[in-house]
Structures are given as C-alpha cells and as structure tokens.
Amino acid sequence: MTSTFTTISELRTALKPHRPSQTIALVPTMGNLHDGHLKLVDIAKQHADIVVVSIFVNPTQFGVGEDLDSYPRTLEADTKKLNDAGVDFIFAPSVAEMYPVMPPPTQVLAGEVSTLLCGQSRPTHFDGVGLVVSKLFNIVQPDVAVFGQKDYQQLAIIRQLVRDLSYPIEIIGVPIVRANDELALSSRNQYLTDAERAIAPTLNQELNRLADNIRSLKKSDALTLVALQTLLQQTKEQLDDAGFEVDYLEVKRQDLGEVTTKEGKLNASEKLVILTASKLGKARLLDNVEV
C-alpha cells in the first residue's frame, strides 16, 4: 500500500528506517500522470528497493503568463495509479511546505546551458527546476533519481547539477514514451483539441525525416553547415504548413554543445540530437531525436 506524505518531516521519518540496508529511488513529477511517468516508476523499481514519487507543481519554474494556475492537478487519480504501480511513498507537499518564503531568496542557477533552447523563451525556467530538484534531492536523499529524456535539456542540467554540487546520486535518463502514433506523451497533450491531436504526430514525423536526411548526408560525407541549415529551414516550413508555431528547432551535440565543423563540414563522428519546442494551439510540445 502506497503511503502519501505532505510534509518534509513526515517523509524523512518514514524513509529513515530503510536507509541502512535499502536503496532509495526518486521520481520527481508535477502530477497528472500518464504512461510516460509510469515507465519512469518501472525503471526506478528496477534500480532501487524503495521508490518515492514526488507530486508538486513547482511555481518557481513557471514564468509570467505561463500555465501555472491551469496546470492539471489530479492527485486522487495519480495516487491510484502509483498505488497500482507499487510505489512505496508519494510526497505531495504544498507550496508553503516547499517554499516557506515566496519568492524563495535562495537560487540555484543552471548557468549557460539554461540560456539555450527552451531557455530562450523561458529565461527563468531552469533556475526554478534547479532549485526544486536540489530541494527534493536534499529531502529524499535518494541513491537513484529517474528522469525522462523528453525534457532533454532538463536532464542535461540535472546531470550538471549532480556533478557540480557533488550529489551522491545516480541519474537515469529514460527514453521518450510515445503514443501509438509516435506523439511524445506529455501532461500538456490534453490541451490539444481533437483536430490538433490529429496533427500533433507530424512533429515527430518531421524530426525523423530530418534525422534520416542528416544520416544520409553524413554517410556521403556531404553534411556541411550550409546543408544542415537548409534542412532545418525546410523542416520548419513543413511544420509551419502543418499548423505548428516553432519556438526552436536546432541540432546540437548530444551534450548540448555546438556542432563542430572543419572547412564547412560537420564532424561525421559526432553524435547529434535534434531538439524542438513547437506550439500547437494551447499546447507547447517538446520532442527530440538522437542521430
């Protein structure tokens, strides 16, 4: 039976007897759970004896005009799903429990990587992520923490956080869980109308088409920076025509560094990732494909 705690002290007390001999995994979420979250739970159970899932809609990672107030909160349904999945503990604190002073005077700044990609349109987002994840790590003190690769930039920032702040935590990234039509699962997908939901899989289709074209050019040693920019522009135009508003569409190294070139050609041995955030109606959809 899953136990739910709303205070830090209660959760710490519950976890204390398990620490000497059992490993603990943390799966941080904002609730409104779907099969993607449950996959994270499944992976956590494979790597630890005790699984803690946090459910907290974190206000510090939402900017002005974003969907903090309307973000779906479904604690009762989430609790049932987690109980069925065999989760040991749920941590569902209030904002006041997590942040006794609002806005919190202490910050955890993510640095240069937070200014890329999503950081261009959400400049305070990843600093809020860094703060809440640091707090959860300190509260739960897990041996393992599990995150989805749909939020590719967030995962990179969390790995950086663990490295730079010397957290003794293994970070596990889990590949994107997708619907049958390959749309990446997300709590924000419910913002899509029926017509938009029918269009939404085009996002992943175009990323895969772009990935195939990049692979083809790499094999023929014809992947130049100019060719890459042309492919990106063509993909943006296809997404625009389908009804998306592209926030960004970029190709990075898989460590999120800039692709390297020599005499205008990309390094063929570099592992790349295509990343996008694209709006469709009220939904801001994230997706990525590694090349």
C-alpha atoms as a PDB file:
ATOM      1  CA  MET A   1       0.000   0.000   0.000  1.00  0.00           C
ATOM      2  CA  THR A   2       1.388   3.374  -1.017  1.00  0.00           C
ATOM      3  CA  SER A   3       1.791   5.957   1.753  1.00  0.00           C
ATOM      4  CA  THR A   4       1.357   9.653   0.994  1.00  0.00           C
ATOM      5  CA  PHE A   5       3.109  12.409   2.913  1.00  0.00           C
ATOM      6  CA  THR A   6       2.637  16.150   2.656  1.00  0.00           C
ATOM      7  CA  THR A   7       5.396  17.357   4.970  1.00  0.00           C
ATOM      8  CA  ILE A   8       9.159  17.045   4.775  1.00  0.00           C
ATOM      9  CA  SER A   9       9.465  15.799   8.337  1.00  0.00           C
ATOM     10  CA  GLU A  10       6.927  13.003   7.816  1.00  0.00           C
ATOM     11  CA  LEU A  11       8.674  11.758   4.697  1.00  0.00           C
ATOM     12  CA  ARG A  12      12.110  11.844   6.317  1.00  0.00           C
ATOM     13  CA  THR A  13      10.792   9.904   9.299  1.00  0.00           C
ATOM     14  CA  ALA A  14       9.240   7.275   7.010  1.00  0.00           C
ATOM     15  CA  LEU A  15      12.446   6.871   4.983  1.00  0.00           C
ATOM     16  CA  LYS A  16      14.863   6.720   7.920  1.00  0.00           C
ATOM     17  CA  PRO A  17      14.382   3.019   8.780  1.00  0.00           C
ATOM     18  CA  HIS A  18      15.070   1.996   5.174  1.00  0.00           C
ATOM     19  CA  ARG A  19      18.400   3.782   4.739  1.00  0.00           C
ATOM     20  CA  PRO A  20      20.804   1.344   6.424  1.00  0.00           C
ATOM     21  CA  SER A  21      20.087  -1.602   4.143  1.00  0.00           C
ATOM     22  CA  GLN A  22      17.876  -0.488   1.237  1.00  0.00           C
ATOM     23  CA  THR A  23      18.431   1.744  -1.777  1.00  0.00           C
ATOM     24  CA  ILE A  24      16.020   4.601  -2.496  1.00  0.00           C
ATOM     25  CA  ALA A  25      14.914   5.955  -5.878  1.00  0.00           C
ATOM     26  CA  LEU A  26      13.205   9.289  -6.526  1.00  0.00           C
ATOM     27  CA  VAL A  27      10.930  10.059  -9.470  1.00  0.00           C
ATOM     28  CA  PRO A  28      10.117  13.800  -9.458  1.00  0.00           C
ATOM     29  CA  THR A  29       6.850  14.747 -11.201  1.00  0.00           C
ATOM     30  CA  MET A  30       4.296  17.538 -11.357  1.00  0.00           C
ATOM     31  CA  GLY A  31       1.458  15.011 -11.315  1.00  0.00           C
ATOM     32  CA  ASN A  32      -1.272  14.451 -13.920  1.00  0.00           C
ATOM     33  CA  LEU A  33       0.479  11.159 -14.509  1.00  0.00           C
ATOM     34  CA  HIS A  34       0.478   9.215 -17.783  1.00  0.00           C
ATOM     35  CA  ASP A  35       2.206   6.090 -19.097  1.00  0.00           C
ATOM     36  CA  GLY A  36       5.456   8.006 -19.534  1.00  0.00           C
ATOM     37  CA  HIS A  37       5.599   8.690 -15.790  1.00  0.00           C
ATOM     38  CA  LEU A  38       4.723   5.081 -15.016  1.00  0.00           C
ATOM     39  CA  LYS A  39       7.640   3.952 -17.191  1.00  0.00           C
ATOM     40  CA  LEU A  40       9.921   6.081 -15.002  1.00  0.00           C
ATOM     41  CA  VAL A  41       8.464   4.344 -11.959  1.00  0.00           C
ATOM     42  CA  ASP A  42       9.089   0.941 -13.553  1.00  0.00           C
ATOM     43  CA  ILE A  43      12.734   1.832 -14.213  1.00  0.00           C
ATOM     44  CA  ALA A  44      13.098   3.168 -10.658  1.00  0.00           C
ATOM     45  CA  LYS A  45      11.807  -0.122  -9.248  1.00  0.00           C
ATOM     46  CA  GLN A  46      14.465  -1.968 -11.251  1.00  0.00           C
ATOM     47  CA  HIS A  47      17.228   0.107  -9.656  1.00  0.00           C
ATOM     48  CA  ALA A  48      16.143   0.509  -6.033  1.00  0.00           C
ATOM     49  CA  ASP A  49      14.341  -1.170  -3.158  1.00  0.00           C
ATOM     50  CA  ILE A  50      12.193   1.833  -2.201  1.00  0.00           C
ATOM     51  CA  VAL A  51      10.559   4.197  -4.727  1.00  0.00           C
ATOM     52  CA  VAL A  52       9.468   7.725  -3.840  1.00  0.00           C
ATOM     53  CA  VAL A  53       7.405   9.748  -6.336  1.00  0.00           C
ATOM     54  CA  SER A  54       7.055  13.457  -5.706  1.00  0.00           C
ATOM     55  CA  ILE A  55       3.998  15.313  -6.995  1.00  0.00           C
ATOM     56  CA  PHE A  56       4.497  19.056  -6.873  1.00  0.00           C
ATOM     57  CA  VAL A  57       3.516  21.742  -9.369  1.00  0.00           C
ATOM     58  CA  ASN A  58       6.561  23.916  -8.848  1.00  0.00           C
ATOM     59  CA  PRO A  59       5.777  27.642  -9.141  1.00  0.00           C
ATOM     60  CA  THR A  60       9.415  28.714  -9.468  1.00  0.00           C
ATOM     61  CA  GLN A  61       9.759  27.100 -12.903  1.00  0.00           C
ATOM     62  CA  PHE A  62       6.746  28.895 -14.393  1.00  0.00           C
ATOM     63  CA  GLY A  63       7.205  32.315 -15.958  1.00  0.00           C
ATOM     64  CA  VAL A  64       4.769  35.210 -16.146  1.00  0.00           C
ATOM     65  CA  GLY A  65       1.780  34.308 -18.318  1.00  0.00           C
ATOM     66  CA  GLU A  66       2.520  30.569 -18.309  1.00  0.00           C
ATOM     67  CA  ASP A  67       0.042  27.876 -17.265  1.00  0.00           C
ATOM     68  CA  LEU A  68       0.767  27.582 -13.522  1.00  0.00           C
ATOM     69  CA  ASP A  69      -2.843  28.164 -12.457  1.00  0.00           C
ATOM     70  CA  SER A  70      -4.352  25.954 -15.149  1.00  0.00           C
ATOM     71  CA  TYR A  71      -1.799  23.134 -14.963  1.00  0.00           C
ATOM     72  CA  PRO A  72      -3.846  19.955 -14.340  1.00  0.00           C
ATOM     73  CA  ARG A  73      -3.823  18.734 -10.746  1.00  0.00           C
ATOM     74  CA  THR A  74      -5.138  15.181 -10.368  1.00  0.00           C
ATOM     75  CA  LEU A  75      -3.771  13.914  -7.050  1.00  0.00           C
ATOM     76  CA  GLU A  76      -6.529  11.359  -6.383  1.00  0.00           C
ATOM     77  CA  ALA A  77      -6.148   9.711  -9.794  1.00  0.00           C
ATOM     78  CA  ASP A  78      -2.351   9.917  -9.574  1.00  0.00           C
ATOM     79  CA  THR A  79      -2.368   8.229  -6.173  1.00  0.00           C
ATOM     80  CA  LYS A  80      -4.384   5.298  -7.531  1.00  0.00           C
ATOM     81  CA  LYS A  81      -2.007   4.856 -10.482  1.00  0.00           C
ATOM     82  CA  LEU A  82       1.045   4.927  -8.222  1.00  0.00           C
ATOM     83  CA  ASN A  83      -0.526   2.521  -5.747  1.00  0.00           C
ATOM     84  CA  ASP A  84      -1.274   0.112  -8.608  1.00  0.00           C
ATOM     85  CA  ALA A  85       2.324   0.526  -9.828  1.00  0.00           C
ATOM     86  CA  GLY A  86       3.721  -0.495  -6.442  1.00  0.00           C
ATOM     87  CA  VAL A  87       5.225   2.831  -5.413  1.00  0.00           C
ATOM     88  CA  ASP A  88       6.202   2.937  -1.744  1.00  0.00           C
ATOM     89  CA  PHE A  89       5.876   6.631  -0.925  1.00  0.00           C
ATOM     90  CA  ILE A  90       4.257   9.685  -2.502  1.00  0.00           C
ATOM     91  CA  PHE A  91       5.486  13.120  -1.478  1.00  0.00           C
ATOM     92  CA  ALA A  92       2.838  15.738  -2.256  1.00  0.00           C
ATOM     93  CA  PRO A  93       3.790  18.922  -0.413  1.00  0.00           C
ATOM     94  CA  SER A  94       2.100  22.314  -0.516  1.00  0.00           C
ATOM     95  CA  VAL A  95       3.862  25.372  -1.904  1.00  0.00           C
ATOM     96  CA  ALA A  96       4.212  26.700   1.653  1.00  0.00           C
ATOM     97  CA  GLU A  97       5.895  23.453   2.749  1.00  0.00           C
ATOM     98  CA  MET A  98       8.449  23.628  -0.058  1.00  0.00           C
ATOM     99  CA  TYR A  99       8.934  27.392  -0.010  1.00  0.00           C
ATOM    100  CA  PRO A 100       8.388  28.963   3.442  1.00  0.00           C
ATOM    101  CA  VAL A 101       9.318  32.304   1.855  1.00  0.00           C
ATOM    102  CA  MET A 102       7.956  33.186  -1.591  1.00  0.00           C
ATOM    103  CA  PRO A 103       9.626  34.032  -3.803  1.00  0.00           C
ATOM    104  CA  PRO A 104      12.483  31.995  -2.302  1.00  0.00           C
ATOM    105  CA  PRO A 105      15.564  34.157  -1.696  1.00  0.00           C
ATOM    106  CA  THR A 106      17.940  31.260  -2.404  1.00  0.00           C
ATOM    107  CA  GLN A 107      18.624  30.377  -6.029  1.00  0.00           C
ATOM    108  CA  VAL A 108      20.272  27.507  -7.852  1.00  0.00           C
ATOM    109  CA  LEU A 109      21.413  28.914 -11.186  1.00  0.00           C
ATOM    110  CA  ALA A 110      21.877  26.497 -14.063  1.00  0.00           C
ATOM    111  CA  GLY A 111      24.401  28.625 -15.965  1.00  0.00           C
ATOM    112  CA  GLU A 112      24.987  28.892 -19.705  1.00  0.00           C
ATOM    113  CA  VAL A 113      23.107  25.721 -20.694  1.00  0.00           C
ATOM    114  CA  SER A 114      19.914  27.266 -19.277  1.00  0.00           C
ATOM    115  CA  THR A 115      20.081  30.067 -21.863  1.00  0.00           C
ATOM    116  CA  LEU A 116      19.832  27.654 -24.822  1.00  0.00           C
ATOM    117  CA  LEU A 117      16.764  26.122 -26.462  1.00  0.00           C
ATOM    118  CA  CYS A 118      13.832  26.395 -24.003  1.00  0.00           C
ATOM    119  CA  GLY A 119      15.798  28.989 -22.050  1.00  0.00           C
ATOM    120  CA  GLN A 120      15.463  31.442 -24.927  1.00  0.00           C
ATOM    121  CA  SER A 121      11.714  31.830 -24.376  1.00  0.00           C
ATOM    122  CA  ARG A 122      11.608  30.683 -20.729  1.00  0.00           C
ATOM    123  CA  PRO A 123      14.592  32.506 -19.193  1.00  0.00           C
ATOM    124  CA  THR A 124      13.834  31.665 -15.535  1.00  0.00           C
ATOM    125  CA  HIS A 125      12.518  28.136 -16.068  1.00  0.00           C
ATOM    126  CA  PHE A 126      15.635  26.067 -15.473  1.00  0.00           C
ATOM    127  CA  ASP A 127      16.736  28.042 -12.430  1.00  0.00           C
ATOM    128  CA  GLY A 128      13.373  27.079 -10.923  1.00  0.00           C
ATOM    129  CA  VAL A 129      13.974  23.467 -11.923  1.00  0.00           C
ATOM    130  CA  GLY A 130      17.433  23.548 -10.346  1.00  0.00           C
ATOM    131  CA  LEU A 131      16.023  24.867  -7.077  1.00  0.00           C
ATOM    132  CA  VAL A 132      13.177  22.378  -6.733  1.00  0.00           C
ATOM    133  CA  VAL A 133      15.287  19.384  -7.765  1.00  0.00           C
ATOM    134  CA  SER A 134      18.005  20.403  -5.283  1.00  0.00           C
ATOM    135  CA  LYS A 135      15.394  20.595  -2.548  1.00  0.00           C
ATOM    136  CA  LEU A 136      13.928  17.202  -3.457  1.00  0.00           C
ATOM    137  CA  PHE A 137      17.395  15.650  -3.504  1.00  0.00           C
ATOM    138  CA  ASN A 138      18.075  17.062  -0.038  1.00  0.00           C
ATOM    139  CA  ILE A 139      14.696  15.962   1.326  1.00  0.00           C
ATOM    140  CA  VAL A 140      14.660  12.412  -0.067  1.00  0.00           C
ATOM    141  CA  GLN A 141      18.440  11.794  -0.251  1.00  0.00           C
ATOM    142  CA  PRO A 142      17.958   9.127  -2.940  1.00  0.00           C
ATOM    143  CA  ASP A 143      20.585   6.781  -4.290  1.00  0.00           C
ATOM    144  CA  VAL A 144      18.976   6.976  -7.751  1.00  0.00           C
ATOM    145  CA  ALA A 145      16.798   9.572  -9.492  1.00  0.00           C
ATOM    146  CA  VAL A 146      14.921   8.904 -12.725  1.00  0.00           C
ATOM    147  CA  PHE A 147      14.008  11.475 -15.391  1.00  0.00           C
ATOM    148  CA  GLY A 148      12.560  11.290 -18.891  1.00  0.00           C
ATOM    149  CA  GLN A 149      14.563  12.200 -21.993  1.00  0.00           C
ATOM    150  CA  LYS A 150      11.649  14.134 -23.492  1.00  0.00           C
ATOM    151  CA  ASP A 151      12.937  17.027 -21.385  1.00  0.00           C
ATOM    152  CA  TYR A 152      16.410  16.596 -22.886  1.00  0.00           C
ATOM    153  CA  GLN A 153      17.756  19.954 -21.773  1.00  0.00           C
ATOM    154  CA  GLN A 154      16.387  19.496 -18.264  1.00  0.00           C
ATOM    155  CA  LEU A 155      18.127  16.119 -17.994  1.00  0.00           C
ATOM    156  CA  ALA A 156      21.427  17.679 -19.068  1.00  0.00           C
ATOM    157  CA  ILE A 157      21.036  20.401 -16.460  1.00  0.00           C
ATOM    158  CA  ILE A 158      20.251  17.874 -13.714  1.00  0.00           C
ATOM    159  CA  ARG A 159      23.338  15.847 -14.609  1.00  0.00           C
ATOM    160  CA  GLN A 160      25.344  19.079 -14.384  1.00  0.00           C
ATOM    161  CA  LEU A 161      23.735  19.888 -11.017  1.00  0.00           C
ATOM    162  CA  VAL A 162      24.658  16.473  -9.597  1.00  0.00           C
ATOM    163  CA  ARG A 163      28.230  16.838 -10.846  1.00  0.00           C
ATOM    164  CA  ASP A 164      28.785  20.394  -9.666  1.00  0.00           C
ATOM    165  CA  LEU A 165      27.085  20.068  -6.265  1.00  0.00           C
ATOM    166  CA  SER A 166      28.572  16.606  -5.604  1.00  0.00           C
ATOM    167  CA  TYR A 167      25.292  14.811  -5.005  1.00  0.00           C
ATOM    168  CA  PRO A 168      25.946  11.062  -4.489  1.00  0.00           C
ATOM    169  CA  ILE A 169      23.040  10.210  -6.795  1.00  0.00           C
ATOM    170  CA  GLU A 170      22.924   8.133  -9.976  1.00  0.00           C
ATOM    171  CA  ILE A 171      20.837   9.909 -12.617  1.00  0.00           C
ATOM    172  CA  ILE A 172      18.996   7.622 -15.024  1.00  0.00           C
ATOM    173  CA  GLY A 173      17.547   9.020 -18.243  1.00  0.00           C
ATOM    174  CA  VAL A 174      14.642   7.092 -19.757  1.00  0.00           C
ATOM    175  CA  PRO A 175      13.831   7.222 -23.498  1.00  0.00           C
ATOM    176  CA  ILE A 176      10.663   9.037 -24.564  1.00  0.00           C
ATOM    177  CA  VAL A 177       7.447   7.068 -24.160  1.00  0.00           C
ATOM    178  CA  ARG A 178       5.179   7.626 -27.139  1.00  0.00           C
ATOM    179  CA  ALA A 179       1.571   7.057 -28.139  1.00  0.00           C
ATOM    180  CA  ASN A 180       0.819   4.581 -30.923  1.00  0.00           C
ATOM    181  CA  ASP A 181       1.134   7.407 -33.477  1.00  0.00           C
ATOM    182  CA  GLU A 182       4.555   8.401 -32.034  1.00  0.00           C
ATOM    183  CA  LEU A 183       3.459  11.608 -30.278  1.00  0.00           C
ATOM    184  CA  ALA A 184       5.605  12.026 -27.157  1.00  0.00           C
ATOM    185  CA  LEU A 185       3.431  11.581 -24.074  1.00  0.00           C
ATOM    186  CA  SER A 186       3.004  14.770 -22.045  1.00  0.00           C
ATOM    187  CA  SER A 187       0.596  16.129 -19.464  1.00  0.00           C
ATOM    188  CA  ARG A 188       0.133  19.133 -21.740  1.00  0.00           C
ATOM    189  CA  ASN A 189      -1.180  16.985 -24.590  1.00  0.00           C
ATOM    190  CA  GLN A 190      -4.627  17.314 -23.039  1.00  0.00           C
ATOM    191  CA  TYR A 191      -4.606  20.972 -24.099  1.00  0.00           C
ATOM    192  CA  LEU A 192      -4.898  19.753 -27.711  1.00  0.00           C
ATOM    193  CA  THR A 193      -8.281  19.800 -29.415  1.00  0.00           C
ATOM    194  CA  ASP A 194      -9.312  16.688 -31.352  1.00  0.00           C
ATOM    195  CA  ALA A 195      -8.257  18.354 -34.608  1.00  0.00           C
ATOM    196  CA  GLU A 196      -4.887  19.398 -33.150  1.00  0.00           C
ATOM    197  CA  ARG A 197      -4.321  15.929 -31.692  1.00  0.00           C
ATOM    198  CA  ALA A 198      -4.673  14.506 -35.201  1.00  0.00           C
ATOM    199  CA  ILE A 199      -1.997  16.923 -36.445  1.00  0.00           C
ATOM    200  CA  ALA A 200       0.391  16.541 -33.487  1.00  0.00           C
ATOM    201  CA  PRO A 201       2.217  13.353 -34.662  1.00  0.00           C
ATOM    202  CA  THR A 202       3.528  15.374 -37.618  1.00  0.00           C
ATOM    203  CA  LEU A 203       6.072  16.863 -35.216  1.00  0.00           C
ATOM    204  CA  ASN A 204       7.879  13.569 -34.653  1.00  0.00           C
ATOM    205  CA  GLN A 205       7.438  12.549 -38.277  1.00  0.00           C
ATOM    206  CA  GLU A 206       9.274  15.664 -39.446  1.00  0.00           C
ATOM    207  CA  LEU A 207      12.044  15.209 -36.869  1.00  0.00           C
ATOM    208  CA  ASN A 208      12.594  11.657 -38.071  1.00  0.00           C
ATOM    209  CA  ARG A 209      12.601  12.805 -41.694  1.00  0.00           C
ATOM    210  CA  LEU A 210      15.229  15.402 -40.774  1.00  0.00           C
ATOM    211  CA  ALA A 211      17.249  12.764 -38.892  1.00  0.00           C
ATOM    212  CA  ASP A 212      17.190  10.448 -41.915  1.00  0.00           C
ATOM    213  CA  ASN A 213      18.392  13.261 -44.180  1.00  0.00           C
ATOM    214  CA  ILE A 214      21.220  14.108 -41.765  1.00  0.00           C
ATOM    215  CA  ARG A 215      22.289  10.455 -41.604  1.00  0.00           C
ATOM    216  CA  SER A 216      22.257  10.230 -45.393  1.00  0.00           C
ATOM    217  CA  LEU A 217      24.448  13.306 -45.764  1.00  0.00           C
ATOM    218  CA  LYS A 218      26.826  12.039 -43.064  1.00  0.00           C
ATOM    219  CA  LYS A 219      27.271   8.743 -44.893  1.00  0.00           C
ATOM    220  CA  SER A 220      28.082  10.518 -48.147  1.00  0.00           C
ATOM    221  CA  ASP A 221      30.420  12.969 -46.399  1.00  0.00           C
ATOM    222  CA  ALA A 222      28.253  15.850 -47.622  1.00  0.00           C
ATOM    223  CA  LEU A 223      26.959  17.185 -44.298  1.00  0.00           C
ATOM    224  CA  THR A 224      28.026  20.787 -44.417  1.00  0.00           C
ATOM    225  CA  LEU A 225      26.803  23.561 -42.137  1.00  0.00           C
ATOM    226  CA  VAL A 226      25.009  25.123 -45.103  1.00  0.00           C
ATOM    227  CA  ALA A 227      23.292  21.823 -45.926  1.00  0.00           C
ATOM    228  CA  LEU A 228      22.226  21.408 -42.293  1.00  0.00           C
ATOM    229  CA  GLN A 229      20.751  24.898 -42.158  1.00  0.00           C
ATOM    230  CA  THR A 230      18.872  24.202 -45.387  1.00  0.00           C
ATOM    231  CA  LEU A 231      17.395  21.005 -43.929  1.00  0.00           C
ATOM    232  CA  LEU A 232      16.389  22.812 -40.749  1.00  0.00           C
ATOM    233  CA  GLN A 233      14.669  25.563 -42.726  1.00  0.00           C
ATOM    234  CA  GLN A 234      12.793  23.020 -44.839  1.00  0.00           C
ATOM    235  CA  THR A 235      11.616  21.216 -41.698  1.00  0.00           C
ATOM    236  CA  LYS A 236      10.460  24.481 -40.116  1.00  0.00           C
ATOM    237  CA  GLU A 237       8.469  25.279 -43.237  1.00  0.00           C
ATOM    238  CA  GLN A 238       6.835  21.835 -43.158  1.00  0.00           C
ATOM    239  CA  LEU A 239       5.870  22.333 -39.503  1.00  0.00           C
ATOM    240  CA  ASP A 240       4.568  25.837 -40.197  1.00  0.00           C
ATOM    241  CA  ASP A 241       2.430  24.480 -43.038  1.00  0.00           C
ATOM    242  CA  ALA A 242       1.043  21.785 -40.727  1.00  0.00           C
ATOM    243  CA  GLY A 243      -0.087  24.419 -38.213  1.00  0.00           C
ATOM    244  CA  PHE A 244       2.765  24.466 -35.688  1.00  0.00           C
ATOM    245  CA  GLU A 245       4.402  27.595 -34.336  1.00  0.00           C
ATOM    246  CA  VAL A 246       8.052  26.598 -33.972  1.00  0.00           C
ATOM    247  CA  ASP A 247       9.655  28.028 -30.849  1.00  0.00           C
ATOM    248  CA  TYR A 248      13.006  26.475 -31.793  1.00  0.00           C
ATOM    249  CA  LEU A 249      14.326  23.680 -33.979  1.00  0.00           C
ATOM    250  CA  GLU A 250      18.024  23.044 -33.537  1.00  0.00           C
ATOM    251  CA  VAL A 251      20.704  20.408 -33.931  1.00  0.00           C
ATOM    252  CA  LYS A 252      23.233  20.096 -31.113  1.00  0.00           C
ATOM    253  CA  ARG A 253      25.793  17.606 -29.965  1.00  0.00           C
ATOM    254  CA  GLN A 254      24.240  15.180 -27.520  1.00  0.00           C
ATOM    255  CA  ASP A 255      25.997  17.004 -24.684  1.00  0.00           C
ATOM    256  CA  LEU A 256      24.142  20.124 -25.978  1.00  0.00           C
ATOM    257  CA  GLY A 257      27.363  21.691 -27.219  1.00  0.00           C
ATOM    258  CA  GLU A 258      27.522  23.333 -30.643  1.00  0.00           C
ATOM    259  CA  VAL A 259      28.239  21.061 -33.586  1.00  0.00           C
ATOM    260  CA  THR A 260      31.833  21.344 -34.738  1.00  0.00           C
ATOM    261  CA  THR A 261      32.923  21.940 -38.289  1.00  0.00           C
ATOM    262  CA  LYS A 262      36.111  21.812 -40.321  1.00  0.00           C
ATOM    263  CA  GLU A 263      36.228  23.659 -43.616  1.00  0.00           C
ATOM    264  CA  GLY A 264      32.440  23.961 -43.506  1.00  0.00           C
ATOM    265  CA  LYS A 265      31.774  20.237 -42.942  1.00  0.00           C
ATOM    266  CA  LEU A 266      30.337  18.782 -39.759  1.00  0.00           C
ATOM    267  CA  ASN A 267      32.347  16.261 -37.797  1.00  0.00           C
ATOM    268  CA  ALA A 268      30.894  12.962 -39.044  1.00  0.00           C
ATOM    269  CA  SER A 269      31.787  11.114 -35.846  1.00  0.00           C
ATOM    270  CA  GLU A 270      29.837  13.442 -33.545  1.00  0.00           C
ATOM    271  CA  LYS A 271      26.632  12.156 -32.017  1.00  0.00           C
ATOM    272  CA  LEU A 272      23.892  14.702 -32.645  1.00  0.00           C
ATOM    273  CA  VAL A 273      20.422  15.389 -31.328  1.00  0.00           C
ATOM    274  CA  ILE A 274      17.572  17.269 -32.989  1.00  0.00           C
ATOM    275  CA  LEU A 275      15.510  19.237 -30.481  1.00  0.00           C
ATOM    276  CA  THR A 276      12.322  21.242 -30.812  1.00  0.00           C
ATOM    277  CA  ALA A 277       9.666  23.032 -28.848  1.00  0.00           C
ATOM    278  CA  SER A 278       6.694  23.789 -31.041  1.00  0.00           C
ATOM    279  CA  LYS A 279       3.305  25.207 -30.158  1.00  0.00           C
ATOM    280  CA  LEU A 280       0.094  23.718 -31.471  1.00  0.00           C
ATOM    281  CA  GLY A 281      -2.918  25.617 -30.224  1.00  0.00           C
ATOM    282  CA  LYS A 282      -2.536  25.998 -26.450  1.00  0.00           C
ATOM    283  CA  ALA A 283      -0.033  23.133 -26.146  1.00  0.00           C
ATOM    284  CA  ARG A 284       3.734  23.601 -26.212  1.00  0.00           C
ATOM    285  CA  LEU A 285       5.121  20.262 -27.390  1.00  0.00           C
ATOM    286  CA  LEU A 286       8.681  19.081 -26.786  1.00  0.00           C
ATOM    287  CA  ASP A 287      10.376  16.369 -28.803  1.00  0.00           C
ATOM    288  CA  ASN A 288      13.854  15.232 -29.727  1.00  0.00           C
ATOM    289  CA  VAL A 289      15.531  12.585 -31.868  1.00  0.00           C
ATOM    290  CA  GLU A 290      19.118  11.451 -31.443  1.00  0.00           C
ATOM    291  CA  VAL A 291      21.140  10.997 -34.632  1.00  0.00           C
END
